[in-house]
């Protein structure tokens, strides 16, 4: 595996949870103005999980894509 690809995967593993946490904080802060506390937390958790999955997906796709480009 290429060093750059390993760095992409490391950044993905590091920043995806951080992106999820930040998405939860931002979403919960906004949703608490519009929903009760329980629904706001549930919606914010859904958004955090979705954000986490998107960041993981983008990181893995870019890592594998870069690996294919470099290896050919």
N, C-alpha and C. Protein backbone atom coordinates (compact mmCIF):
# COMPACT_ATOMS: atom_id res chain seq x y z
N UNK A 1 0.85 -1.18 0.00
CA UNK A 1 0.00 0.00 0.00
C UNK A 1 0.89 1.24 0.00
N UNK A 2 0.48 2.20 -0.76
CA UNK A 2 1.20 3.45 -0.89
C UNK A 2 1.09 4.26 0.41
N UNK A 3 2.12 5.03 0.72
CA UNK A 3 2.11 5.86 1.92
C UNK A 3 0.99 6.89 1.88
N UNK A 4 0.74 7.46 0.72
CA UNK A 4 -0.34 8.45 0.60
C UNK A 4 -1.69 7.82 0.87
N UNK A 5 -1.90 6.62 0.38
CA UNK A 5 -3.16 5.92 0.61
C UNK A 5 -3.32 5.62 2.10
N UNK A 6 -2.24 5.23 2.75
CA UNK A 6 -2.30 4.97 4.19
C UNK A 6 -2.64 6.25 4.95
N UNK A 7 -2.10 7.37 4.51
CA UNK A 7 -2.44 8.65 5.15
C UNK A 7 -3.90 9.03 4.92
N UNK A 8 -4.43 8.74 3.73
CA UNK A 8 -5.84 9.00 3.46
C UNK A 8 -6.71 8.17 4.38
N UNK A 9 -6.39 6.89 4.54
CA UNK A 9 -7.15 6.03 5.44
C UNK A 9 -7.03 6.48 6.89
N UNK A 10 -5.85 6.89 7.30
CA UNK A 10 -5.66 7.37 8.68
C UNK A 10 -6.47 8.64 8.93
N UNK A 11 -6.48 9.54 7.95
CA UNK A 11 -7.27 10.76 8.09
C UNK A 11 -8.76 10.44 8.13
N UNK A 12 -9.17 9.46 7.33
CA UNK A 12 -10.57 9.04 7.33
C UNK A 12 -10.98 8.49 8.69
N UNK A 13 -10.16 7.64 9.26
CA UNK A 13 -10.47 7.05 10.56
C UNK A 13 -10.45 8.12 11.66
N UNK A 14 -9.59 9.09 11.52
CA UNK A 14 -9.47 10.14 12.54
C UNK A 14 -10.60 11.17 12.45
N UNK A 15 -10.88 11.64 11.24
CA UNK A 15 -11.79 12.77 11.10
C UNK A 15 -13.26 12.40 10.92
N UNK A 16 -13.56 11.17 10.56
CA UNK A 16 -14.96 10.78 10.42
C UNK A 16 -15.72 10.85 11.74
N UNK A 17 -15.19 10.29 12.84
CA UNK A 17 -15.90 10.46 14.12
C UNK A 17 -16.01 11.92 14.54
N UNK A 18 -14.96 12.69 14.29
CA UNK A 18 -14.99 14.11 14.62
C UNK A 18 -16.09 14.83 13.82
N UNK A 19 -16.22 14.49 12.55
CA UNK A 19 -17.27 15.09 11.72
C UNK A 19 -18.65 14.71 12.25
N UNK A 20 -18.81 13.46 12.69
CA UNK A 20 -20.08 13.03 13.26
C UNK A 20 -20.42 13.79 14.53
N UNK A 21 -19.44 13.98 15.39
CA UNK A 21 -19.66 14.71 16.64
C UNK A 21 -20.04 16.16 16.37
N UNK A 22 -19.34 16.78 15.45
CA UNK A 22 -19.63 18.17 15.12
C UNK A 22 -21.02 18.29 14.49
N UNK A 23 -21.37 17.32 13.63
CA UNK A 23 -22.71 17.33 13.02
C UNK A 23 -23.78 17.19 14.10
N UNK A 24 -23.53 16.33 15.10
CA UNK A 24 -24.50 16.18 16.19
C UNK A 24 -24.68 17.49 16.94
N UNK A 25 -23.59 18.14 17.28
CA UNK A 25 -23.66 19.38 18.06
C UNK A 25 -24.41 20.46 17.29
N UNK A 26 -24.06 20.64 16.03
CA UNK A 26 -24.71 21.68 15.23
C UNK A 26 -26.19 21.36 15.03
N UNK A 27 -26.49 20.11 14.67
CA UNK A 27 -27.87 19.73 14.41
C UNK A 27 -28.71 19.80 15.68
N UNK A 28 -28.18 19.31 16.78
CA UNK A 28 -28.94 19.34 18.03
C UNK A 28 -29.23 20.78 18.46
N UNK A 29 -28.25 21.65 18.30
CA UNK A 29 -28.45 23.05 18.66
C UNK A 29 -29.58 23.66 17.85
N UNK A 30 -29.66 23.33 16.57
CA UNK A 30 -30.73 23.88 15.74
C UNK A 30 -32.07 23.19 16.02
N UNK A 31 -32.06 21.87 16.13
CA UNK A 31 -33.32 21.13 16.31
C UNK A 31 -33.97 21.37 17.66
N UNK A 32 -33.21 21.72 18.67
CA UNK A 32 -33.83 21.94 19.97
C UNK A 32 -34.73 23.17 19.96
N UNK A 33 -34.56 24.05 18.97
CA UNK A 33 -35.44 25.21 18.83
C UNK A 33 -36.79 24.82 18.21
N UNK A 34 -36.81 23.69 17.49
CA UNK A 34 -38.00 23.31 16.75
C UNK A 34 -38.71 22.07 17.29
N UNK A 35 -37.99 21.21 18.02
CA UNK A 35 -38.56 19.96 18.52
C UNK A 35 -38.35 19.85 20.02
N UNK A 36 -39.04 18.88 20.63
CA UNK A 36 -38.76 18.60 22.04
C UNK A 36 -37.39 17.93 22.15
N UNK A 37 -36.88 17.83 23.35
CA UNK A 37 -35.50 17.38 23.58
C UNK A 37 -35.26 15.96 23.06
N UNK A 38 -36.21 15.06 23.29
CA UNK A 38 -36.03 13.67 22.88
C UNK A 38 -35.96 13.55 21.35
N UNK A 39 -36.88 14.22 20.67
CA UNK A 39 -36.88 14.16 19.21
C UNK A 39 -35.65 14.87 18.63
N UNK A 40 -35.24 15.96 19.24
CA UNK A 40 -34.06 16.68 18.77
C UNK A 40 -32.81 15.81 18.88
N UNK A 41 -32.68 15.08 19.98
CA UNK A 41 -31.51 14.19 20.15
C UNK A 41 -31.54 13.06 19.13
N UNK A 42 -32.72 12.49 18.91
CA UNK A 42 -32.83 11.39 17.97
C UNK A 42 -32.49 11.85 16.55
N UNK A 43 -33.02 13.00 16.16
CA UNK A 43 -32.72 13.52 14.82
C UNK A 43 -31.25 13.90 14.68
N UNK A 44 -30.68 14.47 15.72
CA UNK A 44 -29.26 14.84 15.68
C UNK A 44 -28.37 13.60 15.60
N UNK A 45 -28.75 12.52 16.30
CA UNK A 45 -27.98 11.28 16.21
C UNK A 45 -28.07 10.68 14.81
N UNK A 46 -29.24 10.76 14.20
CA UNK A 46 -29.38 10.27 12.83
C UNK A 46 -28.47 11.05 11.89
N UNK A 47 -28.45 12.36 12.04
CA UNK A 47 -27.61 13.20 11.19
C UNK A 47 -26.13 12.93 11.43
N UNK A 48 -25.75 12.72 12.69
CA UNK A 48 -24.36 12.43 13.02
C UNK A 48 -23.93 11.11 12.40
N UNK A 49 -24.79 10.10 12.48
CA UNK A 49 -24.47 8.79 11.90
C UNK A 49 -24.36 8.89 10.38
N UNK A 50 -25.27 9.63 9.75
CA UNK A 50 -25.21 9.82 8.31
C UNK A 50 -23.93 10.55 7.90
N UNK A 51 -23.57 11.58 8.64
CA UNK A 51 -22.35 12.33 8.35
C UNK A 51 -21.12 11.43 8.49
N UNK A 52 -21.10 10.63 9.55
CA UNK A 52 -20.00 9.68 9.76
C UNK A 52 -19.88 8.72 8.57
N UNK A 53 -21.01 8.17 8.13
CA UNK A 53 -20.98 7.23 7.00
C UNK A 53 -20.52 7.91 5.71
N UNK A 54 -20.95 9.13 5.48
CA UNK A 54 -20.53 9.84 4.27
C UNK A 54 -19.02 10.09 4.30
N UNK A 55 -18.50 10.52 5.43
CA UNK A 55 -17.06 10.76 5.52
C UNK A 55 -16.26 9.46 5.36
N UNK A 56 -16.74 8.37 5.96
CA UNK A 56 -16.07 7.08 5.78
C UNK A 56 -16.11 6.68 4.31
N UNK A 57 -17.27 6.81 3.70
CA UNK A 57 -17.41 6.43 2.29
C UNK A 57 -16.52 7.24 1.37
N UNK A 58 -16.51 8.53 1.55
CA UNK A 58 -15.67 9.39 0.70
C UNK A 58 -14.19 9.07 0.92
N UNK A 59 -13.80 8.85 2.16
CA UNK A 59 -12.41 8.52 2.44
C UNK A 59 -11.98 7.20 1.85
N UNK A 60 -12.84 6.18 1.97
CA UNK A 60 -12.50 4.87 1.41
C UNK A 60 -12.48 4.90 -0.12
N UNK A 61 -13.46 5.56 -0.70
CA UNK A 61 -13.50 5.64 -2.17
C UNK A 61 -12.29 6.41 -2.70
N UNK A 62 -11.94 7.51 -2.05
CA UNK A 62 -10.78 8.27 -2.52
C UNK A 62 -9.49 7.50 -2.30
N UNK A 63 -9.39 6.78 -1.19
CA UNK A 63 -8.19 5.98 -0.94
C UNK A 63 -8.02 4.87 -1.96
N UNK A 64 -9.10 4.11 -2.20
CA UNK A 64 -9.02 3.04 -3.19
C UNK A 64 -8.83 3.59 -4.60
N UNK A 65 -9.49 4.70 -4.91
CA UNK A 65 -9.32 5.32 -6.22
C UNK A 65 -7.90 5.80 -6.44
N UNK A 66 -7.34 6.44 -5.43
CA UNK A 66 -5.96 6.91 -5.54
C UNK A 66 -5.00 5.74 -5.69
N UNK A 67 -5.28 4.65 -4.97
CA UNK A 67 -4.44 3.47 -5.05
C UNK A 67 -4.49 2.88 -6.47
N UNK A 68 -5.67 2.88 -7.09
CA UNK A 68 -5.79 2.36 -8.47
C UNK A 68 -5.04 3.26 -9.46
N UNK A 69 -5.11 4.56 -9.25
CA UNK A 69 -4.43 5.48 -10.15
C UNK A 69 -2.92 5.33 -10.04
N UNK A 70 -2.43 5.22 -8.81
CA UNK A 70 -0.99 5.14 -8.60
C UNK A 70 -0.43 3.79 -9.05
N UNK A 71 -1.18 2.72 -8.86
CA UNK A 71 -0.65 1.39 -9.18
C UNK A 71 -0.63 1.10 -10.68
N UNK A 72 -1.33 1.89 -11.49
CA UNK A 72 -1.34 1.64 -12.95
C UNK A 72 -0.42 2.53 -13.65
